[in-house]
Protein backbone atom coordinates (compact mmCIF):
# COMPACT_ATOMS: atom_id res chain seq x y z
CA MET A 1 -0.24 0.33 -0.02
CA LYS A 2 1.62 3.40 -1.06
CA LYS A 3 0.93 5.36 1.56
CA LEU A 4 1.98 2.63 4.30
CA ALA A 5 5.46 2.17 3.16
CA LYS A 6 6.42 5.77 1.81
CA LYS A 7 8.17 8.19 3.90
CA LEU A 8 4.88 8.07 5.93
CA SER A 9 3.73 11.55 7.70
CA PHE A 10 0.40 12.26 8.08
CA ALA A 11 -1.22 14.81 5.82
CA ALA A 12 -0.19 17.99 7.88
CA ILE A 13 -2.56 20.47 7.93
CA SER A 14 -1.85 24.05 7.26
CA GLY A 15 -3.57 27.42 7.58
CA ALA A 16 -4.87 29.05 10.57
CA LEU A 17 -7.06 27.54 12.91
CA LEU A 18 -10.76 29.35 13.01
CA LEU A 19 -12.02 28.41 16.17
CA THR A 20 -14.91 29.43 17.89
CA ALA A 21 -15.68 31.02 21.36
CA ALA A 22 -14.45 29.61 24.62
CA CYS A 23 -11.17 28.12 23.68
CA ALA A 24 -9.40 26.58 27.12
CA ASN A 25 -5.80 27.56 27.88
CA GLN A 26 -3.17 26.07 29.76
CA GLU A 27 -4.90 27.37 33.10
CA ALA A 28 -7.68 26.06 32.86
CA SER A 29 -5.65 22.70 31.83
CA LYS A 30 -5.10 22.46 35.41
CA GLU A 31 -8.69 22.29 36.45
CA GLU A 32 -9.05 18.62 34.24
CA LYS A 33 -11.64 16.95 36.32
CA LYS A 34 -10.41 13.71 37.55
CA VAL A 35 -11.71 10.82 36.27
CA ASP A 36 -13.92 8.25 38.65
CA VAL A 37 -12.81 5.38 36.72
CA ALA A 38 -14.27 2.97 39.57
CA SER A 39 -17.18 4.40 38.52
CA LEU A 40 -17.38 3.03 35.28
CA PRO A 41 -17.82 -0.37 33.76
CA GLU A 42 -15.61 -3.19 33.82
CA ALA A 43 -13.34 -3.87 30.68
CA GLY A 44 -15.84 -5.96 28.37
CA ASP A 45 -19.07 -4.79 29.56
CA PHE A 46 -20.74 -3.33 26.42
CA SER A 47 -24.38 -3.79 27.65
CA LYS A 48 -25.18 -0.54 26.87
CA GLN A 49 -25.23 0.57 24.01
CA LEU A 50 -23.40 4.04 22.98
CA ASP A 51 -23.25 6.20 19.70
CA LEU A 52 -19.77 7.18 18.40
CA ASN A 53 -18.46 9.22 15.37
CA LEU A 54 -15.08 7.53 14.36
CA SER A 55 -11.92 8.18 12.73
CA GLY A 56 -8.58 6.93 12.05
CA SER A 57 -5.37 7.42 10.43
CA ILE A 58 -6.63 7.00 6.74
CA THR A 59 -10.27 8.54 6.60
CA ARG A 60 -10.83 10.54 3.32
CA GLY A 61 -14.39 10.59 4.12
CA LYS A 62 -15.72 7.69 1.50
CA ALA A 63 -16.29 4.94 4.21
CA GLU A 64 -19.73 3.70 3.20
CA ASP A 65 -22.49 3.78 6.16
CA GLY A 66 -23.15 -0.22 6.85
CA ASN A 67 -19.77 -1.24 5.79
CA TYR A 68 -18.36 -4.67 6.71
CA VAL A 69 -15.56 -3.22 9.51
CA GLN A 70 -18.57 -1.40 10.94
CA LYS A 71 -21.07 -4.00 11.34
CA ARG A 72 -18.82 -5.79 12.83
CA LEU A 73 -17.41 -3.30 15.40
CA GLU A 74 -20.87 -2.39 16.39
CA GLU A 75 -21.98 -5.86 16.72
CA GLN A 76 -18.92 -6.42 18.96
CA PHE A 77 -18.77 -3.51 20.87
CA ASN A 78 -22.44 -2.91 20.94
CA ILE A 79 -22.27 0.61 19.50
CA LYS A 80 -23.38 2.68 16.72
CA ILE A 81 -20.99 4.21 14.18
CA SER A 82 -21.26 7.37 12.37
CA ASN A 83 -18.51 7.48 9.61
CA THR A 84 -16.51 10.72 9.30
CA LYS A 85 -17.16 12.12 5.98
CA VAL A 86 -14.72 14.48 5.82
CA ASP A 87 -11.63 13.95 4.18
CA THR A 88 -9.20 14.16 6.76
CA TRP A 89 -6.13 14.77 4.66
CA ASN A 90 -7.79 18.07 3.13
CA ALA A 91 -6.52 21.10 4.60
CA ASP A 92 -9.71 23.49 3.72
CA GLN A 93 -12.15 20.31 5.07
CA VAL A 94 -10.54 20.21 8.35
CA ASN A 95 -10.81 23.85 8.29
CA LEU A 96 -14.24 24.55 7.89
CA MET A 97 -14.96 21.00 10.41
CA VAL A 98 -12.83 22.83 13.09
CA ALA A 99 -14.46 25.99 13.11
CA SER A 100 -17.74 24.61 13.32
CA GLY A 101 -16.83 22.64 16.19
CA ASP A 102 -18.06 19.45 14.62
CA LEU A 103 -15.45 17.07 15.18
CA PRO A 104 -15.59 13.49 15.31
CA ASP A 105 -15.29 11.32 18.78
CA THR A 106 -11.65 10.13 17.75
CA PHE A 107 -8.99 11.93 14.99
CA ALA A 108 -5.31 11.53 13.62
CA PHE A 109 -5.09 14.34 11.64
CA THR A 110 -3.20 17.36 12.93
CA THR A 111 -5.08 21.23 13.15
CA GLY A 112 -2.59 24.21 11.97
CA GLY A 113 0.21 22.40 12.79
CA LYS A 114 -0.39 22.26 16.46
CA THR A 115 1.05 20.00 19.17
CA ALA A 116 -0.81 17.71 21.21
CA GLN A 117 -0.66 20.08 24.22
CA GLU A 118 -1.55 22.90 21.84
CA LEU A 119 -4.60 20.84 20.22
CA TYR A 120 -5.69 20.39 23.89
CA ASP A 121 -4.58 24.26 25.61
CA SER A 122 -7.14 25.31 22.45
CA GLY A 123 -10.13 23.26 23.01
CA LEU A 124 -10.34 20.89 21.00
CA THR A 125 -9.18 17.32 22.75
CA ARG A 126 -9.57 15.91 26.05
CA THR A 127 -7.11 14.28 28.29
CA ILE A 128 -6.85 10.40 28.44
CA SER A 129 -5.63 9.21 32.34
CA LYS A 130 -3.33 6.74 32.52
CA GLU A 131 -5.81 4.54 35.24
CA MET A 132 -8.16 4.31 32.23
CA LEU A 133 -5.42 3.15 29.75
CA GLU A 134 -4.12 0.19 32.39
CA LYS A 135 -7.89 -0.55 32.49
CA TYR A 136 -9.15 -0.40 29.28
CA ALA A 137 -5.91 -0.34 26.57
CA PRO A 138 -3.42 -2.82 28.23
CA ARG A 139 -2.01 -3.89 25.03
CA TYR A 140 -1.47 -0.34 24.34
CA MET A 141 0.06 0.56 27.54
CA LYS A 142 2.16 -2.82 27.30
CA MET A 143 3.54 -1.44 23.84
CA LEU A 144 4.10 1.65 25.67
CA SER A 145 6.32 -0.08 28.28
CA GLU A 146 8.52 -1.77 25.97
CA ASN A 147 9.44 1.75 23.92
CA ALA A 148 11.71 3.80 25.40
CA SER A 149 10.47 6.43 27.33
CA GLY A 150 6.86 5.20 25.92
CA THR A 151 5.33 5.94 29.05
CA LYS A 152 6.32 9.74 29.27
CA ARG A 153 5.34 10.81 25.65
CA ASN A 154 2.45 13.02 25.28
CA LEU A 155 1.95 13.73 29.06
CA LEU A 156 -0.14 16.95 30.17
CA LYS A 157 2.36 19.49 31.31
CA GLY A 158 2.46 19.03 34.95
CA THR A 159 1.12 15.80 35.49
CA GLU A 160 2.03 12.11 35.44
CA ASN A 161 -1.07 10.43 34.60
CA GLU A 162 -2.72 12.70 31.93
CA TYR A 163 -2.19 11.91 28.52
CA VAL A 164 -3.33 14.48 25.39
CA ALA A 165 -2.60 11.84 22.92
CA LEU A 166 -2.35 8.17 22.14
CA ILE A 167 0.85 7.31 19.86
CA GLY A 168 1.69 4.74 17.25
CA GLN A 169 4.33 2.01 17.05
CA TYR A 170 6.37 2.42 13.95
CA ALA A 171 8.02 -0.98 13.21
CA HIS A 172 8.27 -0.64 9.70
CA VAL A 173 10.75 1.98 9.83
CA ASP A 174 13.16 0.03 11.96
CA GLY A 175 16.50 -0.51 11.11
CA LEU A 176 18.17 1.02 7.68
CA VAL A 177 15.45 3.30 5.83
CA TRP A 178 17.91 3.87 3.19
CA ALA A 179 20.80 1.75 1.49
CA PRO A 180 23.32 2.24 -1.40
CA THR A 181 22.98 0.39 -4.81
CA PHE A 182 25.32 -0.13 -7.28
CA ARG A 183 24.79 -1.31 -11.55
CA LEU A 184 26.34 -5.08 -10.82
CA ASP A 185 26.14 -5.58 -14.01
CA TRP A 186 28.49 -2.42 -14.69
CA LEU A 187 30.50 -3.83 -11.59
CA GLU A 188 31.24 -7.23 -13.35
CA LYS A 189 32.17 -5.76 -17.26
CA LEU A 190 34.37 -3.35 -15.35
CA GLY A 191 35.98 -6.46 -13.71
CA ILE A 192 35.24 -4.59 -9.97
CA GLU A 193 34.31 -7.86 -6.92
CA PRO A 194 31.79 -6.29 -4.98
CA PRO A 195 32.22 -6.25 -1.41
CA GLY A 196 31.24 -9.55 -0.08
CA GLU A 197 29.09 -12.73 -0.92
CA ILE A 198 25.79 -11.29 -2.85
CA LYS A 199 22.90 -13.36 -2.85
CA GLN A 200 19.49 -12.65 -4.86
CA VAL A 201 16.64 -10.82 -3.36
CA GLY A 202 14.11 -13.20 -5.11
CA PRO A 203 13.37 -15.92 -8.15
CA SER A 204 11.66 -13.77 -10.26
CA GLY A 205 9.66 -10.84 -11.56
CA GLY A 206 12.90 -8.62 -11.57
CA ARG A 207 13.85 -9.48 -8.39
CA GLU A 208 16.10 -12.26 -9.98
CA LYS A 209 18.17 -9.51 -11.24
CA ILE A 210 18.74 -7.61 -7.72
CA TYR A 211 21.21 -8.77 -5.40
CA TYR A 212 22.21 -7.93 -2.07
CA THR A 213 24.93 -7.95 0.24
CA ASP A 214 26.11 -7.62 4.14
CA GLY A 215 30.04 -5.75 2.61
CA ALA A 216 30.39 -2.69 1.97
CA TYR A 217 33.02 -0.17 0.33
CA THR A 218 34.86 2.10 1.53
CA LEU A 219 34.82 5.98 0.65
CA GLU A 220 38.05 5.54 -1.26
CA GLU A 221 36.55 2.33 -2.90
CA LEU A 222 33.45 3.84 -3.72
CA GLU A 223 35.66 6.98 -5.56
CA GLU A 224 37.23 4.51 -7.56
CA VAL A 225 33.81 2.89 -8.58
CA LEU A 226 32.07 6.41 -9.30
CA LYS A 227 35.62 7.53 -11.67
CA ALA A 228 35.15 3.73 -13.48
CA PHE A 229 31.12 3.96 -13.68
CA THR A 230 32.22 7.95 -15.17
CA PHE A 231 34.63 7.31 -17.42
CA ASP A 232 35.03 3.64 -18.82
CA ASP A 233 31.97 3.20 -20.74
CA PRO A 234 30.08 0.84 -18.20
CA ASP A 235 27.40 0.59 -20.95
CA GLY A 236 29.37 -0.15 -24.23
CA ASN A 237 28.18 2.18 -26.05
CA GLY A 238 31.14 3.96 -26.66
CA LYS A 239 30.29 7.31 -25.79
CA ASP A 240 30.80 9.50 -22.70
CA ASP A 241 27.11 9.45 -20.84
CA THR A 242 27.11 7.74 -17.83
CA TYR A 243 27.75 9.22 -14.44
CA GLY A 244 28.74 7.58 -10.89
CA ILE A 245 25.98 9.29 -8.69
CA SER A 246 23.27 11.50 -9.49
CA PRO A 247 21.63 13.33 -6.88
CA TRP A 248 18.34 15.32 -7.12
CA ASN A 249 17.64 18.97 -5.66
CA ASN A 250 14.25 18.79 -3.64
CA ASN A 251 15.79 16.54 -0.67
CA ILE A 252 18.84 15.49 1.07
CA ASN A 253 17.66 11.38 0.76
CA TRP A 254 20.19 10.93 -1.77
CA ALA A 255 23.19 11.53 0.51
CA HIS A 256 21.94 9.87 3.54
CA THR A 257 24.40 6.62 3.78
CA LEU A 258 27.67 9.29 2.59
CA MET A 259 26.87 11.54 5.13
CA GLY A 260 26.70 8.52 7.53
CA SER A 261 30.20 7.70 6.36
CA PHE A 262 30.96 11.26 8.32
CA GLY A 263 29.40 10.06 11.40
CA ILE A 264 26.31 12.90 10.90
CA ALA A 265 22.77 12.93 9.34
CA LEU A 266 21.29 15.99 8.16
CA GLN A 267 17.48 15.85 9.65
CA PRO A 268 15.36 18.32 11.67
CA ASN A 269 17.64 18.87 15.01
CA TYR A 270 20.10 16.18 14.37
CA ASN A 271 22.88 17.34 16.84
CA LEU A 272 26.60 16.15 17.85
CA LEU A 273 29.00 17.33 20.18
CA GLU A 274 32.35 18.69 18.68
CA ASP A 275 35.00 19.80 20.35
CA GLY A 276 32.73 20.06 23.44
CA LYS A 277 30.55 21.82 22.03
CA LEU A 278 26.84 21.08 21.03
CA VAL A 279 26.38 21.86 17.41
CA THR A 280 23.77 20.66 14.66
CA THR A 281 25.06 18.96 11.47
CA GLU A 282 24.63 21.61 9.19
CA ILE A 283 27.39 23.65 10.99
CA SER A 284 29.73 20.74 11.93
CA LYS A 285 33.02 20.26 10.94
CA ASN A 286 32.06 16.76 9.21
CA TYR A 287 29.31 17.99 7.21
CA LYS A 288 32.06 20.76 6.06
CA GLU A 289 33.67 17.59 4.74
CA PHE A 290 31.43 15.83 3.29
CA LEU A 291 30.30 18.77 1.39
CA LYS A 292 34.00 19.10 0.53
CA LEU A 293 34.27 15.68 -1.07
CA MET A 294 30.84 15.86 -2.72
CA ALA A 295 32.49 19.70 -4.66
CA LYS A 296 35.42 17.51 -5.42
CA TRP A 297 33.43 14.60 -7.00
CA TYR A 298 31.21 17.33 -9.33
CA LYS A 299 34.62 18.88 -10.21
CA MET A 300 36.15 15.63 -11.10
CA GLY A 301 32.96 14.83 -13.36
CA LEU A 302 31.71 11.79 -11.08
CA ILE A 303 28.22 13.92 -10.28
CA ASP A 304 25.83 13.87 -12.89
CA PRO A 305 25.64 18.13 -13.53
CA GLU A 306 21.90 18.00 -14.34
CA PHE A 307 20.88 17.14 -10.56
CA THR A 308 20.28 20.53 -9.79
CA THR A 309 17.33 20.80 -12.41
CA LEU A 310 15.76 17.64 -11.30
CA ASP A 311 13.32 16.01 -8.36
CA ASP A 312 13.54 12.92 -6.72
CA LYS A 313 11.16 11.82 -9.39
CA LYS A 314 13.17 13.18 -12.45
CA SER A 315 15.86 11.57 -11.04
CA TRP A 316 14.57 8.10 -11.14
CA GLU A 317 13.83 8.65 -14.74
CA LYS A 318 17.05 9.49 -15.36
CA TYR A 319 18.66 6.70 -14.05
CA LYS A 320 16.36 4.22 -15.95
CA GLN A 321 17.43 5.27 -19.16
CA GLY A 322 20.49 3.47 -17.86
CA LYS A 323 23.12 6.04 -17.36
CA ILE A 324 23.52 6.23 -13.30
CA GLY A 325 25.52 3.43 -11.65
CA TYR A 326 25.34 4.43 -8.11
CA TYR A 327 21.63 5.14 -6.24
CA VAL A 328 20.65 5.37 -2.44
CA ALA A 329 17.15 3.19 -2.13
CA GLN A 330 14.82 1.67 0.18
CA PRO A 331 14.40 -2.03 1.16
CA SER A 332 11.09 -2.04 -0.82
CA TYR A 333 12.63 -0.44 -3.65
CA MET A 334 14.78 -3.27 -4.09
CA ALA A 335 12.42 -5.82 -3.30
CA MET A 336 10.21 -4.59 -6.33
CA ASP A 337 7.08 -3.79 -3.42
CA ASP A 338 4.22 -2.81 -5.75
CA TRP A 339 3.87 0.59 -4.27
CA ALA A 340 7.49 1.20 -5.39
CA LYS A 341 6.84 0.60 -8.90
CA GLY A 342 8.36 3.08 -11.26
CA ARG A 343 11.37 4.35 -8.58
CA ALA A 344 15.51 3.76 -8.77
CA PRO A 345 16.92 1.00 -9.10
CA GLN A 346 13.72 -1.33 -9.36
CA ASN A 347 12.78 0.46 -12.21
CA ILE A 348 16.02 -0.49 -14.87
CA VAL A 349 14.79 -4.22 -14.31
CA GLU A 350 10.98 -4.20 -14.61
CA ASN A 351 11.45 -4.66 -18.21
CA PRO A 352 11.23 -8.55 -18.68
CA ASN A 353 14.13 -7.70 -21.34
CA SER A 354 16.59 -5.66 -19.01
CA THR A 355 19.53 -7.34 -18.62
CA ALA A 356 20.95 -4.57 -16.00
CA LYS A 357 21.47 -6.02 -12.83
CA VAL A 358 21.24 -4.11 -9.33
CA LEU A 359 23.26 -4.85 -5.65
CA GLY A 360 22.25 -3.58 -2.32
CA THR A 361 25.16 -3.06 0.12
CA LEU A 362 25.81 -1.79 3.81
CA PRO A 363 26.48 2.19 3.94
CA GLU A 364 29.62 3.35 2.99
CA ILE A 365 32.65 3.27 5.51
CA GLY A 366 34.43 6.41 5.82
CA LYS A 367 37.89 7.31 7.04
CA ASN A 368 37.62 6.69 10.40
CA GLY A 369 35.43 3.57 10.21
CA GLN A 370 32.17 5.72 10.43
CA GLN A 371 29.15 4.19 8.61
CA GLY A 372 25.54 4.04 8.80
CA GLU A 373 22.93 6.99 8.52
CA GLY A 374 20.16 9.05 10.93
CA ALA A 375 17.28 6.95 12.37
CA TYR A 376 13.89 8.10 10.73
CA ILE A 377 13.03 8.04 14.45
CA PRO A 378 15.63 10.21 16.37
CA VAL A 379 14.17 8.39 19.94
CA GLY A 380 12.72 4.82 19.58
CA ASN A 381 10.37 3.71 17.31
CA LEU A 382 7.21 5.66 18.39
CA ALA A 383 5.42 8.36 16.35
CA ASP A 384 2.12 10.15 15.20
CA ALA A 385 -1.20 11.11 17.48
CA PHE A 386 -4.20 9.93 17.92
CA TYR A 387 -6.96 12.18 19.80
CA VAL A 388 -9.66 12.10 21.65
CA SER A 389 -12.29 15.10 21.02
CA LYS A 390 -13.13 17.30 23.93
CA ASP A 391 -16.95 16.65 24.10
CA VAL A 392 -16.40 12.60 24.56
CA THR A 393 -17.41 12.11 28.19
CA ASP A 394 -15.95 9.61 29.98
CA GLU A 395 -18.09 6.49 29.56
CA GLU A 396 -17.87 6.92 25.53
CA LEU A 397 -13.80 7.14 26.17
CA ALA A 398 -13.87 3.87 28.06
CA ARG A 399 -15.79 2.11 25.03
CA ILE A 400 -13.57 3.96 22.56
CA LEU A 401 -10.47 2.84 23.92
CA GLN A 402 -11.51 -1.08 24.17
CA VAL A 403 -12.21 -0.72 20.37
CA PHE A 404 -8.97 1.23 19.93
CA ASP A 405 -6.81 -1.32 21.65
CA TYR A 406 -8.22 -4.51 19.95
CA ILE A 407 -8.34 -3.10 16.17
CA ASN A 408 -4.58 -1.14 16.53
CA PHE A 409 -3.16 -3.79 19.31
CA ASP A 410 -4.61 -7.19 18.89
CA ASN A 411 -3.39 -8.89 15.86
CA GLU A 412 -6.65 -11.06 15.68
CA ALA A 413 -8.10 -7.92 14.67
CA ARG A 414 -6.23 -7.76 10.89
CA TRP A 415 -9.94 -8.05 9.50
CA THR A 416 -10.48 -4.42 10.41
CA LEU A 417 -7.54 -3.79 8.06
CA TYR A 418 -7.86 -7.16 4.90
CA GLY A 419 -10.89 -8.77 6.06
CA GLU A 420 -11.62 -12.72 6.27
CA VAL A 421 -8.20 -14.42 3.84
CA GLY A 422 -9.76 -16.17 1.06
CA VAL A 423 -12.77 -14.37 1.20
CA HIS A 424 -11.98 -10.48 1.05
CA SER A 425 -7.93 -11.08 0.77
CA ASP A 426 -5.42 -13.49 -0.19
CA TRP A 427 -1.43 -14.13 0.34
CA GLU A 428 0.76 -12.32 -2.41
CA GLY A 429 3.14 -15.59 -2.19
CA GLU A 430 4.00 -17.93 0.98
CA PRO A 431 0.72 -17.45 3.82
CA GLU A 432 1.73 -16.01 6.89
CA LYS A 433 5.17 -14.75 5.19
CA SER A 434 3.83 -12.26 2.23
CA ALA A 435 1.87 -9.38 1.75
CA LEU A 436 -1.95 -9.34 1.75
CA LYS A 437 -3.80 -8.32 -1.18
CA VAL A 438 -7.82 -7.15 -1.27
CA ARG A 439 -9.73 -8.80 -3.57
CA PRO A 440 -10.97 -6.07 -6.48
CA GLU A 441 -14.48 -6.35 -5.85
CA PHE A 442 -13.57 -4.82 -1.96
CA ALA A 443 -12.40 -1.24 -1.27
CA ALA A 444 -9.05 -1.53 -0.13
CA GLU A 445 -9.48 1.55 1.82
CA GLU A 446 -12.81 2.38 3.54
CA GLY A 447 -15.79 1.89 0.83
CA ASN A 448 -17.66 -1.11 1.07
CA SER A 449 -15.26 -2.90 3.03
CA GLY A 450 -14.43 0.08 5.67
CA PHE A 451 -11.28 -1.47 5.96
CA TRP A 452 -8.61 1.19 7.99
CA ALA A 453 -11.29 3.14 8.19
CA TYR A 454 -11.28 3.35 12.15
CA ASN A 455 -7.55 2.30 12.33
CA PHE A 456 -4.72 4.21 13.78
CA ARG A 457 -1.48 4.06 12.28
CA THR A 458 0.78 1.68 14.46
CA TYR A 459 2.44 -1.11 13.50
CA ASP A 460 3.91 -4.24 15.00
CA LYS A 461 6.26 -6.43 13.09
CA GLU A 462 3.66 -8.74 12.36
CA ARG A 463 1.26 -6.06 11.38
CA VAL A 464 3.96 -4.54 8.94
CA SER A 465 4.42 -8.02 7.55
CA TRP A 466 0.55 -8.06 6.24
CA PHE A 467 1.63 -4.70 3.93
CA GLN A 468 5.00 -5.34 2.89
CA SER A 469 6.45 -7.84 0.76
CA GLU A 470 8.03 -11.14 2.01
CA TYR A 471 11.03 -10.02 -0.21
CA THR A 472 11.32 -6.38 1.67
CA SER A 473 11.14 -8.63 5.09
CA LYS A 474 13.73 -10.81 4.09
CA LEU A 475 16.23 -7.70 3.30
CA LYS A 476 15.46 -6.14 6.66
CA ASN A 477 15.34 -9.64 8.45
CA GLU A 478 18.95 -10.58 6.89
CA LEU A 479 20.92 -7.18 6.81
CA TYR A 480 18.73 -3.45 7.04
CA ALA A 481 17.35 -4.67 10.47
CA ARG A 482 19.51 -6.78 11.52
CA GLU A 483 20.66 -5.79 15.24
CA ASP A 484 24.05 -5.55 15.23
CA VAL A 485 23.49 -3.29 11.92
CA LYS A 486 20.68 -1.25 14.04
CA GLU A 487 23.68 -1.15 16.95
CA LYS A 488 26.54 -0.10 15.11
CA MET A 489 24.74 2.07 12.56
CA LEU A 490 21.88 4.11 13.82
CA ILE A 491 23.15 7.48 14.06
CA ARG A 492 20.97 8.82 16.54
CA PRO A 493 21.53 12.90 18.10
CA TYR A 494 23.28 13.76 20.77
CA LYS A 495 20.46 15.60 22.55
CA TYR A 496 16.84 15.40 21.78
CA ASP A 497 13.72 17.30 22.99
CA LEU A 498 11.25 13.99 22.93
CA LEU A 499 9.07 14.86 26.08
CA ASN A 500 8.57 18.86 24.85
CA GLU A 501 10.63 20.10 27.58
CA THR A 502 12.18 23.17 25.57
CA ASN A 503 10.67 25.68 23.25
CA ILE A 504 12.44 23.79 20.43
CA LYS A 505 9.40 23.52 18.39
CA GLU A 506 8.03 26.92 18.65
CA VAL A 507 11.70 28.45 17.52
CA GLU A 508 11.29 25.93 14.75
CA LYS A 509 8.13 26.85 13.56
CA ARG A 510 9.84 31.03 13.82
CA TYR A 511 13.08 29.79 12.07
CA LYS A 512 12.73 26.80 9.71
CA GLY A 513 12.21 28.80 6.37
CA GLN A 514 15.13 30.93 6.75
CA LEU A 515 17.86 28.33 7.74
CA ASP A 516 16.32 25.77 5.38
CA THR A 517 17.30 28.29 2.52
CA VAL A 518 20.59 29.02 4.38
CA VAL A 519 21.79 25.44 4.16
CA SER A 520 20.11 24.32 1.05
CA GLU A 521 21.56 27.82 -0.88
CA PHE A 522 24.92 27.02 0.74
CA ARG A 523 24.79 23.26 -0.08
CA MET A 524 24.20 23.34 -3.73
CA LYS A 525 26.66 26.47 -4.48
CA ALA A 526 29.30 24.10 -2.45
CA ILE A 527 28.71 21.34 -4.75
CA VAL A 528 28.61 22.83 -8.07
CA GLY A 529 32.20 24.87 -6.66
CA GLU A 530 30.23 28.08 -6.62
CA VAL A 531 31.85 29.06 -3.40
CA ASP A 532 35.01 28.48 -1.74
CA ILE A 533 34.05 26.17 1.35
CA ASP A 534 37.16 26.96 3.15
CA LYS A 535 37.29 30.60 2.64
CA GLU A 536 33.31 30.84 2.97
CA TRP A 537 32.56 28.59 5.74
CA ASP A 538 32.62 30.76 8.55
CA ASN A 539 30.88 33.22 7.11
CA TYR A 540 27.98 30.49 6.50
CA VAL A 541 27.79 29.38 10.20
CA GLU A 542 27.52 33.52 11.31
CA ASN A 543 24.57 33.50 8.37
CA TRP A 544 22.83 30.52 10.09
CA LYS A 545 23.55 31.52 13.62
CA ASN A 546 22.23 35.35 12.70
CA ASN A 547 18.96 33.55 11.38
CA GLY A 548 18.22 31.50 14.18
CA GLY A 549 20.55 28.99 14.55
CA ASN A 550 21.79 30.61 17.97
CA GLU A 551 17.87 29.96 19.09
CA VAL A 552 17.57 26.91 17.73
CA LEU A 553 21.42 26.12 20.00
CA ALA A 554 19.88 27.48 22.76
CA GLU A 555 17.06 24.84 22.81
CA LEU A 556 18.56 21.96 22.23
CA GLU A 557 21.28 22.94 25.07
CA LYS A 558 18.35 22.67 27.46
CA ALA A 559 17.13 19.44 26.17
CA PRO A 560 17.80 15.58 27.45
CA LYS A 561 20.63 13.50 25.71
CA VAL A 562 19.28 10.77 23.92
CA SER A 563 21.63 7.90 25.32
CA ASP A 564 19.42 8.64 28.45
CA LEU A 565 15.97 8.83 26.94
CA MET A 566 16.66 5.76 25.05
CA LYS A 567 17.49 3.87 28.98
CA GLN A 568 13.85 5.25 30.17
């Protein structure tokens, strides 16, 4: 499923909130009425029918009334479900819904980029007590306790037992999300040995042309490979028309593992200690050295000069033309999962007549043995938010939590996502070891089936296996999410405000635009040789600091160490 396996983030809803009267503020949060849990029904007591308006992470307003999942949930929990008819991925529709105050009882969209605490302070949501979660959502609480700082996430400020939102488990991004790939047929033609023993990803369908190894090239070896790909006519057409590497200009994903060989990650709030001082990646000495290497490769002609005009999609198309030898990809791309069709590097082998072969390796090794990439989630594997509307009563919340706990954390509830196997869906390959595919007569999401209509975006490893191919699972289990690989190669920031103890989010909102411009403009000019990196570096750092960087650093100084957060 495309929207599940791609770089997953919610549709962030932008624009000002059009709130009507009587919004709560932080002072009001202190007056939150304590829930008398003992007076509520026991878990599993569904004797009283309740009416609930439910939505989830993939609510596009298309769930048909009386759908398959709705009927089963209504019978199981003695509830009447009102389906949310709003596309919660559409900013205009959400803003109108918020302005009217007519919110569903549960929702997973954000409004105006606000944090969970800010939504609560705005009077949109209610809190969920730890006591209620322990009573009505024990599976969820177990998941929290098994993840770093899990039980401390989303706590209402000033409390230790009231949550302003629930959170999801992101097992689908566990391990390395990106990996280097090489044209294996070019390596073979040029007589270059792959780094380690190679294995096939799969037996057919193009996967037999994609290989992987737990070896890796050093940066010095990689440079020699890129030179051969560029100058030694690897495609045999007698023309000087190939390049070692082709970046793109709309994000920095192409450089994840290359930066990892310098021990850094260029992601929001990634920081490190350098000469005893806290610095962000963007102004670190290692980032400077990374830029100098890229500028050297560009000057040597190893980097496709058209990259400045290419976004990632145009870059995939360029790769498909067979002119690029090195490319960074996700395991799902290499495994040729359905949602990744057309993406490099799998697009070079999709044609049955293609003789191209691809090899995935572990990240490049830097001069000091550094290797890896930034962890997709800086601390642990928890992300996203699930909210309960302010108007939900304690009795309704008790029922909601039981539905939430069942459909999202009891894997017997697979039918809420794929129905019954053999009736609504079928295994793509080997049963229980491959992805599930919904039959065409049923809607894959919402519609007549109701699949995904009420679920939150949260997946343990078993649930991940339901939507990723067995070949992606193989790549992750055998290589990219292997425990020793994760331990050695996941780069995490030195400090991170996981528990919202600083004003970093507010500072980011204020300065993000100008800081991003400073960083991206210097990066581009540095790589293509328009500026002398050594001569201009100090001016660049000063410019970054003067455009909000000093404020960012000041807030990061207040944040806890990630090493401490990972232990909690």
